[in-house]
Protein backbone atom coordinates (compact mmCIF):
# COMPACT_ATOMS: atom_id res chain seq x y z
CA MET A 1 84.35 63.76 57.41
CA GLN A 2 82.79 65.27 54.84
CA ASN A 3 81.68 68.37 57.49
CA THR A 4 85.12 68.44 58.86
CA GLU A 5 86.27 69.33 55.03
CA HIS A 6 83.83 71.91 53.94
CA ALA A 7 84.59 73.85 57.40
CA THR A 8 88.38 73.86 56.90
CA ALA A 9 87.73 74.69 52.98
CA SER A 10 85.14 77.22 54.59
CA ALA A 11 88.12 78.61 56.53
CA ALA A 12 90.36 78.51 54.47
CA SER A 13 88.78 80.71 51.53
CA THR A 14 88.21 83.06 54.49
CA LYS A 15 90.92 86.05 54.29
CA PRO A 16 92.49 86.73 57.66
CA LEU A 17 91.36 90.14 59.43
CA PHE A 18 95.27 90.93 59.01
CA GLU A 19 98.34 89.52 58.87
CA GLY A 20 101.71 90.59 60.84
CA SER A 21 102.15 92.96 63.75
CA ASP A 22 101.31 96.83 62.15
CA TRP A 23 97.70 98.64 62.65
CA ASN A 24 96.12 101.06 61.24
CA PHE A 25 92.86 102.78 61.66
CA ASP A 26 90.92 100.84 59.00
CA LEU A 27 92.02 97.61 60.72
CA VAL A 28 91.20 98.49 64.12
CA LYS A 29 87.33 98.87 62.51
CA LYS A 30 87.65 95.76 60.86
CA ALA A 31 88.82 93.97 64.05
CA TYR A 32 86.09 96.20 66.05
CA ASP A 33 83.18 94.87 63.75
CA ALA A 34 84.07 91.09 63.56
CA CYS A 35 84.12 91.18 67.24
CA GLU A 36 80.62 92.62 67.41
CA GLU A 37 79.61 90.23 64.58
CA ILE A 38 80.43 87.43 67.19
CA GLY A 39 79.78 88.92 70.53
CA LEU A 40 76.36 91.11 69.59
CA GLY A 41 75.02 88.09 67.05
CA GLU A 42 75.96 85.31 68.25
CA LEU A 43 76.84 86.09 72.20
CA GLY A 44 73.37 88.23 72.60
CA LEU A 45 75.61 90.41 74.30
CA ASP A 46 74.19 94.10 75.60
CA ILE A 47 76.54 97.05 75.24
CA TYR A 48 76.87 100.80 75.02
CA PRO A 49 77.94 102.09 72.12
CA ASN A 50 81.92 102.01 72.00
CA VAL A 51 84.34 104.98 71.58
CA ILE A 52 88.18 103.38 70.50
CA GLU A 53 90.57 105.85 71.62
CA VAL A 54 94.28 104.93 70.85
CA ILE A 55 97.01 106.34 73.13
CA THR A 56 100.18 106.28 74.16
CA SER A 57 102.12 104.58 76.90
CA GLU A 58 102.50 108.18 78.77
CA GLN A 59 98.36 108.69 78.15
CA MET A 60 98.03 105.62 79.92
CA LEU A 61 100.24 106.13 82.65
CA ASP A 62 98.69 109.43 83.44
CA ALA A 63 95.09 107.81 83.04
CA TYR A 64 96.72 105.47 85.77
CA ALA A 65 97.28 108.47 87.82
CA SER A 66 93.71 110.26 88.01
CA ILE A 67 91.86 106.87 89.09
CA GLY A 68 91.59 105.88 85.44
CA LEU A 69 88.81 108.78 84.12
CA PRO A 70 89.31 111.53 81.69
CA ARG A 71 89.04 114.80 82.43
CA MET A 72 89.57 114.57 86.19
CA TYR A 73 90.44 117.40 87.73
CA ARG A 74 94.38 118.32 89.00
CA HIS A 75 95.89 117.40 92.73
CA TRP A 76 99.57 116.67 93.55
CA SER A 77 98.60 112.88 94.47
CA PHE A 78 97.94 112.26 90.60
CA GLY A 79 101.61 113.53 90.01
CA LYS A 80 103.09 111.66 92.23
CA HIS A 81 101.51 108.33 91.21
CA PHE A 82 102.40 108.92 87.60
CA VAL A 83 105.98 109.20 88.31
CA ARG A 84 106.04 106.23 90.45
CA ASP A 85 104.26 104.42 87.52
CA GLU A 86 106.75 105.51 84.47
CA LEU A 87 110.08 104.90 86.73
CA HIS A 88 108.69 101.01 87.40
CA TYR A 89 107.58 100.73 83.61
CA ARG A 90 110.67 102.92 82.18
CA LYS A 91 112.76 99.88 84.23
CA GLY A 92 110.92 96.95 83.31
CA ALA A 93 109.71 96.67 86.91
CA ARG A 94 105.73 97.17 85.65
CA ALA A 95 104.31 96.45 82.82
CA LEU A 96 101.08 98.32 81.43
CA ALA A 97 97.80 97.06 81.05
CA TYR A 98 96.66 96.36 77.30
CA GLU A 99 93.61 98.59 77.64
CA LEU A 100 91.67 100.70 80.09
CA VAL A 101 87.73 100.89 80.03
CA ILE A 102 85.44 103.49 81.00
CA ASN A 103 82.04 102.59 82.24
CA SER A 104 80.09 105.23 80.66
CA ASP A 105 77.62 105.71 78.01
CA PRO A 106 78.94 105.66 75.40
CA CYS A 107 81.76 103.37 76.63
CA ILE A 108 85.28 104.85 76.27
CA ASN A 109 87.95 102.18 75.22
CA TYR A 110 91.63 102.99 75.28
CA ILE A 111 94.16 100.84 73.38
CA MET A 112 98.09 101.58 73.44
CA GLU A 113 99.46 102.58 69.83
CA GLU A 114 102.94 100.32 71.28
CA ASN A 115 100.52 96.92 70.86
CA SER A 116 100.39 94.89 68.06
CA MET A 117 97.29 94.24 65.92
CA THR A 118 96.65 90.93 67.93
CA MET A 119 96.43 92.78 71.15
CA HIS A 120 94.47 95.52 69.79
CA THR A 121 91.79 92.77 68.43
CA LEU A 122 92.15 91.23 72.18
CA VAL A 123 91.48 94.38 73.90
CA LEU A 124 88.70 95.36 71.70
CA ALA A 125 87.19 91.42 72.25
CA HIS A 126 87.84 91.99 76.14
CA ALA A 127 86.53 96.04 77.18
CA ALA A 128 84.40 96.97 74.21
CA MET A 129 82.41 93.62 74.50
CA GLY A 130 83.20 92.12 77.81
CA HIS A 131 83.77 94.64 80.64
CA ASN A 132 81.19 96.90 78.13
CA HIS A 133 78.31 94.20 78.61
CA PHE A 134 78.89 93.53 81.88
CA PHE A 135 78.72 97.21 83.39
CA LYS A 136 75.63 97.85 81.54
CA ASN A 137 74.06 94.76 83.09
CA ASN A 138 75.02 94.12 86.31
CA TYR A 139 72.22 94.95 89.07
CA LEU A 140 75.16 96.89 91.12
CA PHE A 141 75.98 99.18 87.77
CA GLN A 142 72.62 99.93 87.47
CA GLU A 143 71.46 100.89 90.85
CA TRP A 144 74.69 102.80 91.58
CA THR A 145 76.04 104.28 88.61
CA ARG A 146 74.42 105.96 85.69
CA ALA A 147 76.75 105.81 83.01
CA ASP A 148 75.17 108.51 80.94
CA ALA A 149 75.86 111.42 83.42
CA ILE A 150 79.53 110.33 84.85
CA LEU A 151 81.75 112.35 81.86
CA ASP A 152 79.51 115.22 82.06
CA TYR A 153 79.79 114.98 85.73
CA LEU A 154 83.72 114.83 85.35
CA ASP A 155 83.40 118.05 83.49
CA PHE A 156 81.37 119.82 85.72
CA ALA A 157 83.95 118.59 88.85
CA LYS A 158 86.91 119.50 87.36
CA THR A 159 85.82 123.03 86.30
CA TYR A 160 84.74 124.02 89.64
CA VAL A 161 88.15 122.82 91.45
CA ALA A 162 89.58 124.80 88.95
CA ARG A 163 87.51 127.47 89.70
CA CYS A 164 87.81 127.37 93.45
CA GLU A 165 91.66 127.64 92.97
CA ASP A 166 91.36 130.32 90.95
CA GLN A 167 89.13 132.19 93.69
CA HIS A 168 90.63 130.45 96.82
CA GLY A 169 94.05 129.41 95.88
CA PRO A 170 95.81 126.07 95.07
CA ASN A 171 96.97 125.64 98.67
CA ALA A 172 93.33 125.96 99.95
CA VAL A 173 91.46 123.68 97.79
CA GLU A 174 94.42 120.92 97.94
CA GLN A 175 94.10 121.10 101.44
CA VAL A 176 90.15 120.50 100.96
CA LEU A 177 90.91 117.52 98.24
CA ASP A 178 93.85 115.83 100.76
CA ALA A 179 90.80 115.44 103.78
CA ALA A 180 88.29 114.47 101.22
CA HIS A 181 90.55 112.02 99.37
CA ALA A 182 91.64 110.11 102.71
CA LEU A 183 87.96 110.04 103.77
CA MET A 184 87.00 108.43 100.46
CA GLN A 185 86.06 105.11 101.42
CA GLN A 186 83.98 106.70 104.51
CA GLY A 187 82.03 108.67 101.63
CA ILE A 188 79.64 105.61 100.46
CA SER A 189 76.19 105.32 102.03
CA ARG A 190 75.46 101.53 101.77
CA TYR A 191 71.81 101.81 100.20
CA PRO A 192 71.10 102.56 96.56
CA GLY A 193 69.60 105.19 94.86
CA SER A 194 70.04 107.88 96.08
CA ASN A 195 74.20 107.89 95.60
CA ARG A 196 74.00 107.80 91.69
CA THR A 197 75.58 110.37 90.42
CA VAL A 198 73.37 113.56 89.26
CA SER A 199 73.08 115.20 85.78
CA LEU A 200 75.47 117.58 84.55
CA ALA A 201 72.36 120.52 84.63
CA ARG A 202 71.39 119.88 88.04
CA GLU A 203 75.06 120.00 89.36
CA ARG A 204 75.31 123.48 87.69
CA GLU A 205 71.98 124.78 88.54
CA ARG A 206 73.15 123.80 91.94
CA ALA A 207 76.89 125.49 91.73
CA ARG A 208 74.65 128.42 90.12
CA GLU A 209 72.31 128.74 93.42
CA ARG A 210 75.50 128.73 95.75
CA HIS A 211 76.87 131.74 93.94
CA LEU A 212 73.65 133.93 93.94
CA TYR A 213 73.75 133.09 97.62
CA GLU A 214 76.87 134.20 98.07
CA GLN A 215 76.61 137.54 95.99
CA GLN A 216 73.30 137.92 97.67
CA SER A 217 74.38 137.99 101.22
CA PHE A 218 77.81 139.48 100.73
CA ASN A 219 77.93 142.92 102.60
CA ASP A 220 81.02 145.21 101.76
CA LEU A 221 80.02 147.36 105.01
CA TRP A 222 80.96 144.02 107.41
CA ARG A 223 84.74 144.99 106.06
CA THR A 224 84.48 148.05 108.50
CA VAL A 225 83.56 145.90 111.84
CA PRO A 226 86.44 145.12 114.16
CA GLN A 227 87.61 141.56 114.17
CA LYS A 228 86.78 140.79 117.39
CA ARG A 229 83.07 141.79 117.20
CA GLN A 230 83.19 139.58 114.03
CA GLU A 231 84.31 136.88 115.91
CA GLU A 232 82.03 137.29 118.82
CA ASP A 233 78.80 137.52 116.13
CA ALA A 234 80.48 134.10 114.44
CA ASP A 235 80.49 132.31 117.98
CA SER A 236 77.23 133.21 118.63
CA ALA A 237 75.82 131.88 115.40
CA GLU A 238 77.50 128.66 115.76
CA ASP A 239 75.86 128.61 119.36
CA ALA A 240 72.45 129.03 117.49
CA GLN A 241 72.77 125.87 115.45
CA PRO A 242 70.91 122.56 116.68
CA SER A 243 72.63 120.20 119.16
CA SER A 244 73.09 117.11 119.03
CA ALA A 245 73.52 114.34 121.91
CA ALA A 246 75.16 110.54 121.37
CA GLY A 247 71.32 109.50 120.50
CA GLY A 248 71.64 111.87 117.81
CA SER A 249 68.00 112.28 117.22
CA GLN A 250 67.86 115.96 115.51
CA LEU A 251 71.16 114.89 113.25
CA ARG A 252 70.16 111.47 112.80
CA LEU A 253 73.13 109.62 114.34
CA PRO A 254 74.56 107.64 113.61
CA GLU A 255 75.83 108.29 110.21
CA GLU A 256 78.09 105.71 108.58
CA ASN A 257 78.89 108.43 105.04
CA ILE A 258 80.94 110.35 107.14
CA LEU A 259 81.72 112.71 103.83
CA TYR A 260 78.30 113.30 103.87
CA PHE A 261 77.60 113.99 106.91
CA LEU A 262 80.36 116.90 107.00
CA GLU A 263 79.25 118.40 104.32
CA LYS A 264 76.06 118.89 105.49
CA THR A 265 76.71 119.76 109.41
CA ALA A 266 80.57 120.89 109.56
CA PRO A 267 79.91 123.71 111.21
CA LYS A 268 83.50 126.15 109.84
CA LEU A 269 83.20 124.88 106.06
CA ALA A 270 81.94 127.44 103.31
CA ASP A 271 79.85 126.52 100.56
CA TRP A 272 82.77 125.81 97.70
CA GLU A 273 84.41 123.03 100.49
CA ARG A 274 80.83 121.38 100.94
CA GLU A 275 80.80 121.18 97.26
CA ILE A 276 84.00 119.96 96.58
CA LEU A 277 83.28 117.36 99.50
CA ARG A 278 79.93 116.28 97.22
CA ILE A 279 82.34 115.64 94.15
CA VAL A 280 84.82 113.50 96.13
CA ARG A 281 81.91 111.62 97.37
CA ASN A 282 80.29 111.01 93.86
CA LEU A 283 83.40 109.90 92.62
CA SER A 284 83.55 107.23 95.37
CA THR A 285 80.59 106.25 94.44
CA TYR A 286 80.83 105.71 90.92
CA PHE A 287 83.91 103.16 91.88
CA TYR A 288 81.91 101.55 94.64
CA PRO A 289 80.28 98.96 92.31
CA GLN A 290 83.76 97.97 90.57
CA ARG A 291 85.55 97.60 93.90
CA GLN A 292 82.59 95.24 94.41
CA THR A 293 83.18 93.02 90.66
CA LYS A 294 87.05 92.71 90.12
CA VAL A 295 86.71 88.99 90.43
CA MET A 296 83.64 88.86 87.91
CA ASN A 297 84.30 92.19 86.04
CA GLU A 298 87.42 90.38 84.97
CA GLY A 299 86.12 86.89 84.20
CA CYS A 300 83.69 88.28 82.07
CA ALA A 301 85.34 90.20 80.23
CA THR A 302 88.39 87.29 80.17
CA TRP A 303 85.84 84.34 79.30
CA THR A 304 84.31 86.54 76.43
CA HIS A 305 87.56 87.13 74.30
CA PHE A 306 88.38 84.35 74.82
CA HIS A 307 85.41 82.72 73.23
CA ILE A 308 85.65 85.73 70.59
CA MET A 309 89.55 85.30 69.28
CA ASN A 310 88.97 81.45 69.24
CA ARG A 311 85.67 81.56 67.37
CA LEU A 312 87.87 84.23 65.11
CA TYR A 313 90.37 81.75 64.35
CA ASP A 314 87.60 78.79 63.63
CA LYS A 315 86.23 81.23 60.85
CA GLY A 316 89.55 81.80 59.42
CA LEU A 317 89.52 85.48 60.37
CA LEU A 318 93.18 84.70 62.60
CA THR A 319 96.15 83.55 61.50
CA GLU A 320 97.94 80.86 63.00
CA GLY A 321 100.51 83.56 64.35
CA SER A 322 98.19 85.94 65.95
CA MET A 323 96.22 83.25 67.47
CA LEU A 324 99.36 81.84 69.20
CA GLU A 325 100.35 85.64 70.39
CA PHE A 326 97.05 85.88 71.35
CA LEU A 327 97.32 82.48 73.64
CA HIS A 328 100.87 83.33 75.08
CA SER A 329 99.29 86.86 76.33
CA HIS A 330 95.69 84.74 77.43
CA SER A 331 97.76 82.34 79.48
CA SER A 332 100.09 84.86 81.30
CA VAL A 333 97.32 86.99 82.21
CA THR A 334 95.48 83.88 83.78
CA MET A 335 98.26 82.22 85.21
CA GLN A 336 98.41 81.95 89.20
CA PRO A 337 101.21 82.00 90.86
CA ALA A 338 102.01 79.41 93.20
CA TRP A 339 102.03 80.88 97.10
CA ASN A 340 105.80 80.36 97.07
CA ASP A 341 106.55 82.36 93.79
CA ARG A 342 107.98 85.67 93.75
CA ARG A 343 105.35 86.72 91.83
CA TYR A 344 102.56 85.81 94.18
CA SER A 345 100.29 88.65 95.75
CA GLY A 346 97.21 86.93 96.63
CA LEU A 347 94.63 85.09 94.02
CA ASN A 348 95.02 86.39 90.50
CA PRO A 349 90.95 87.91 89.71
CA TYR A 350 91.66 87.33 86.13
CA ALA A 351 93.00 83.43 87.10
CA LEU A 352 89.71 83.06 89.41
CA GLY A 353 86.84 84.84 87.60
CA PHE A 354 88.24 83.28 83.80
CA ALA A 355 87.99 79.77 86.00
CA ILE A 356 84.83 79.60 87.54
CA MET A 357 83.40 81.22 84.15
CA ARG A 358 84.73 78.26 82.52
CA ASP A 359 83.51 75.92 84.72
CA ILE A 360 80.24 77.15 84.70
CA GLU A 361 80.09 76.60 80.89
CA ARG A 362 81.40 73.01 81.05
CA MET A 363 78.97 72.22 83.34
CA THR A 364 75.68 73.25 81.57
CA THR A 365 77.14 71.17 78.54
CA GLU A 366 79.03 68.31 80.22
CA PRO A 367 77.86 67.65 83.62
CA THR A 368 79.37 65.07 86.29
CA ASP A 369 78.05 63.62 88.96
CA GLU A 370 79.15 65.72 91.26
CA ASP A 371 77.96 69.03 89.48
CA ARG A 372 74.65 67.77 89.34
CA ASP A 373 74.78 67.32 93.45
CA TRP A 374 76.41 70.81 94.08
CA PHE A 375 74.05 72.83 91.00
CA PRO A 376 71.38 71.25 90.53
CA ASP A 377 69.92 74.09 88.57
CA ILE A 378 72.68 74.55 86.25
CA ALA A 379 73.70 71.25 85.55
CA GLY A 380 73.36 69.76 82.04
CA ASN A 381 70.64 72.61 81.34
CA GLY A 382 72.81 73.12 77.58
CA ASP A 383 72.78 77.05 77.90
CA PRO A 384 75.92 78.07 78.73
CA VAL A 385 76.13 81.52 77.80
CA GLY A 386 72.24 82.18 78.86
CA THR A 387 73.39 81.15 82.21
CA LEU A 388 76.51 83.00 82.44
CA LYS A 389 74.71 86.07 81.38
CA GLN A 390 72.26 85.96 84.07
CA ILE A 391 75.43 85.25 86.90
CA TRP A 392 76.83 88.44 85.19
CA ALA A 393 73.55 90.65 85.71
CA GLU A 394 72.48 89.21 89.03
CA PHE A 395 75.74 88.66 91.24
CA ARG A 396 78.80 90.63 92.86
CA ASP A 397 82.27 89.10 94.06
CA ASP A 398 81.40 87.47 97.49
CA SER A 399 77.77 85.93 96.30
CA PHE A 400 79.45 84.73 93.27
CA ILE A 401 81.94 83.02 94.77
CA LEU A 402 79.80 81.83 97.79
CA GLN A 403 77.31 80.52 94.94
CA PHE A 404 79.21 79.46 91.80
CA MET A 405 82.78 78.30 92.94
CA SER A 406 82.69 74.22 92.13
CA PRO A 407 84.74 71.60 93.98
CA LYS A 408 86.65 71.32 90.93
CA VAL A 409 87.99 74.44 91.10
CA ILE A 410 88.70 74.36 94.35
CA ARG A 411 91.04 71.29 93.71
CA ASP A 412 92.41 72.93 90.69
CA PHE A 413 93.62 76.26 92.47
CA ARG A 414 94.46 73.30 95.45
CA LEU A 415 92.51 76.02 98.12
CA PHE A 416 92.39 74.87 101.75
CA ASN A 417 91.63 76.94 104.29
CA ILE A 418 93.70 78.21 107.60
CA HIS A 419 92.46 79.24 110.81
CA ASP A 420 95.14 81.88 112.30
CA GLU A 421 94.60 83.07 116.00
CA SER A 422 96.70 86.18 117.31
CA GLN A 423 97.08 84.56 120.76
CA ARG A 424 98.63 81.40 119.37
CA PRO A 425 102.16 80.82 117.95
CA GLN A 426 100.73 78.03 115.38
CA VAL A 427 97.96 78.15 112.40
CA PHE A 428 96.20 74.73 111.71
CA VAL A 429 95.02 73.75 108.19
CA SER A 430 90.90 73.78 109.68
CA ASN A 431 89.41 72.77 105.71
CA ILE A 432 90.55 70.44 103.25
CA HIS A 433 89.30 68.81 100.13
CA ASN A 434 86.01 66.94 101.59
CA GLU A 435 82.26 68.08 101.70
CA LEU A 436 82.53 69.87 104.14
CA GLY A 437 86.00 71.39 104.01
CA TYR A 438 84.44 72.41 100.31
CA ARG A 439 81.92 74.53 101.73
CA GLN A 440 84.07 76.09 104.65
CA VAL A 441 87.11 77.00 101.80
CA ARG A 442 84.41 78.82 99.66
CA GLN A 443 82.25 80.39 102.39
CA ALA A 444 86.00 81.94 103.97
CA LEU A 445 87.07 82.73 100.52
CA SER A 446 83.50 84.60 99.76
CA LYS A 447 84.13 86.86 102.94
CA GLN A 448 87.40 87.67 101.63
CA TYR A 449 85.78 89.53 98.62
CA CYS A 450 82.92 91.61 101.08
CA VAL A 451 83.42 94.88 101.00
CA SER A 452 82.08 95.75 103.43
CA SER A 453 83.31 93.67 105.77
CA LEU A 454 86.91 94.32 104.88
CA ASP A 455 86.23 98.69 105.12
CA PRO A 456 86.62 99.99 108.65
CA ASP A 457 82.93 100.32 109.87
CA LEU A 458 83.13 104.13 111.37
CA GLN A 459 80.42 105.74 112.06
CA VAL A 460 79.65 109.70 113.67
CA ILE A 461 77.75 108.79 116.80
CA GLU A 462 78.15 112.03 118.78
CA ALA A 463 78.30 115.77 117.50
CA ASP A 464 78.37 118.71 120.55
CA LEU A 465 76.72 122.24 118.26
CA GLN A 466 76.41 123.96 121.58
CA GLY A 467 79.20 123.46 124.08
CA SER A 468 82.77 121.97 123.12
CA ARG A 469 81.94 121.23 119.52
CA ARG A 470 83.95 117.89 119.52
CA LEU A 471 82.89 114.78 116.91
CA VAL A 472 82.73 111.91 118.04
CA VAL A 473 83.18 108.45 115.62
CA ALA A 474 82.90 104.99 116.58
CA HIS A 475 85.01 101.98 115.28
CA ASN A 476 82.86 99.53 115.14
CA VAL A 477 85.83 95.95 115.77
CA ARG A 478 85.63 92.46 114.42
CA ASN A 479 86.80 89.65 115.09
CA GLY A 480 90.07 91.86 117.22
CA VAL A 481 91.16 93.91 114.45
CA LEU A 482 92.33 97.35 115.27
CA LEU A 483 92.72 100.25 113.31
CA ASP A 484 96.64 101.28 112.49
CA ARG A 485 97.53 103.94 114.63
CA ALA A 486 100.03 105.79 112.08
CA ASN A 487 96.70 105.86 109.64
CA CYS A 488 94.66 106.49 112.11
CA GLU A 489 96.23 109.78 113.58
CA ARG A 490 96.41 111.33 109.95
CA THR A 491 92.92 110.60 109.19
CA LEU A 492 91.94 112.14 112.19
CA TYR A 493 93.78 115.21 111.33
CA HIS A 494 92.21 115.60 107.95
CA LEU A 495 88.77 114.89 109.77
CA ALA A 496 89.38 117.50 111.99
CA ARG A 497 90.24 119.61 109.39
CA LEU A 498 87.30 119.58 107.95
CA TRP A 499 85.23 119.52 110.74
CA GLY A 500 86.83 122.51 112.59
CA TYR A 501 87.24 121.26 116.14
CA ARG A 502 88.35 118.53 118.01
CA VAL A 503 87.62 114.88 116.99
CA LYS A 504 87.20 111.34 119.49
CA LEU A 505 87.45 107.90 117.78
CA ILE A 506 86.62 105.26 119.88
CA GLU A 507 87.36 101.68 118.89
CA ILE A 508 84.04 99.19 120.25
CA ASP A 509 83.98 95.64 119.76
CA TYR A 510 81.15 95.08 117.81
CA GLU A 511 79.96 91.58 119.71
CA THR A 512 80.41 92.57 123.41
CA GLY A 513 80.01 96.80 123.17
CA LYS A 514 83.34 97.37 125.13
CA VAL A 515 85.36 100.02 124.92
CA LEU A 516 89.31 98.99 123.30
CA LYS A 517 91.08 101.60 122.31
CA GLU A 518 90.47 105.67 121.94
CA HIS A 519 92.10 108.19 119.62
CA GLU A 520 91.97 111.76 119.91
CA ASN A 521 93.61 114.36 117.43
CA LEU A 522 96.53 116.04 119.60
CA ARG A 523 97.17 119.03 117.34
CA MET A 524 94.56 120.96 115.34
CA PRO A 525 95.18 122.12 111.28
């Protein structure tokens, strides 16, 4: 009783960080320092230096449109996204995120000026502490990205694309970017290391070498050569290039990174077009870890802000009004709509990630017999923060769910497994809440977060550089799921635009090797 009275008196003697909703930069600095004291001092988080930028709602919409990256090059699709998102926001059909955080060193955190001081504090705990720690320590980000290079690389990309527009015209650059964006998800090599973003100095050196080569190889006398003879010489030069049969020994086929293959091999691409493909490849690689860690990343940040905000309240640094505002926002973010709710759009990554993180925290301190049977390594170890930090560093969404989603979380979310076959008019429940059912439900849900199984498995299997110059791409079909015809035709058009000749796509059953369907671009760009 004496300890409780002492804690209450201590909290009462501590002045809150702020009162009311109004904010200023001094209050933001005080809130950040308080969050940092808990995040770094008590939780032992390891973060990049933070940069806090206050922006308007329109600037947040602009950041949305340019895929969340600052200093992005220009493209018409960004403007289209901006108009759509702004219309929804003005009509109240869509809310904006409280923050936007960039995986960079230093870590850039955008907070909206329209938010209250409580929301600013929440954002600092969520993004500047939670997301920042996850970016710096998760193995996927360490292997696939360089946080200290991305901002410089974006500067280079923006400048390079703008210079190409000046030299070759906006329409020519737009066509290359359209084609590259259409193939963006097929611009990733599934192994780390060589994919990491290179430094700005290296990119500038590459651009300088390309420009020097263009100057040295230019000869004004070629303007006097008749056009027919020039075309014949070009054809002869193309015929002299190495050929590749289906085996692809010289071109090292099959190749899953289609943008890389086009950048290095496409017969008709100019050097500046190849460099743009490389830029899009690097951006796609940068986002690859984020696509694989959505549940974990948001779960880590949500658990972190929940812990920090409660500690601030316990220390008397937040008023009861601020705490109620925080809890209202937090419960709204982590709410999971029911399957028959109008708001339902699948599992909420904030809700699922936070629920599993809280469940792991509970198991380390107050385990049940069921927890000891399912998780003997962590149940009752008494170190919730250390356990979570290790998990944040070593797993991605599919492996995280497969290993750490407990029967309790499955029951709380009321999950069960439905078996559906296209040949049958009915579906049936294949797994329910029992020992085997828990494992099957967890395994089935884990597969839904495996990016490599969600993206189409496309590979270049043949490239004829001597005869017809036709490019053949294979789609390895799993579970009988074929490509959408309309999207396939549009993508083939963009692929043919980059390759310069006809392209054929074959859909092959992954297990039997049987050809299921063939597509071929009917119109050349």
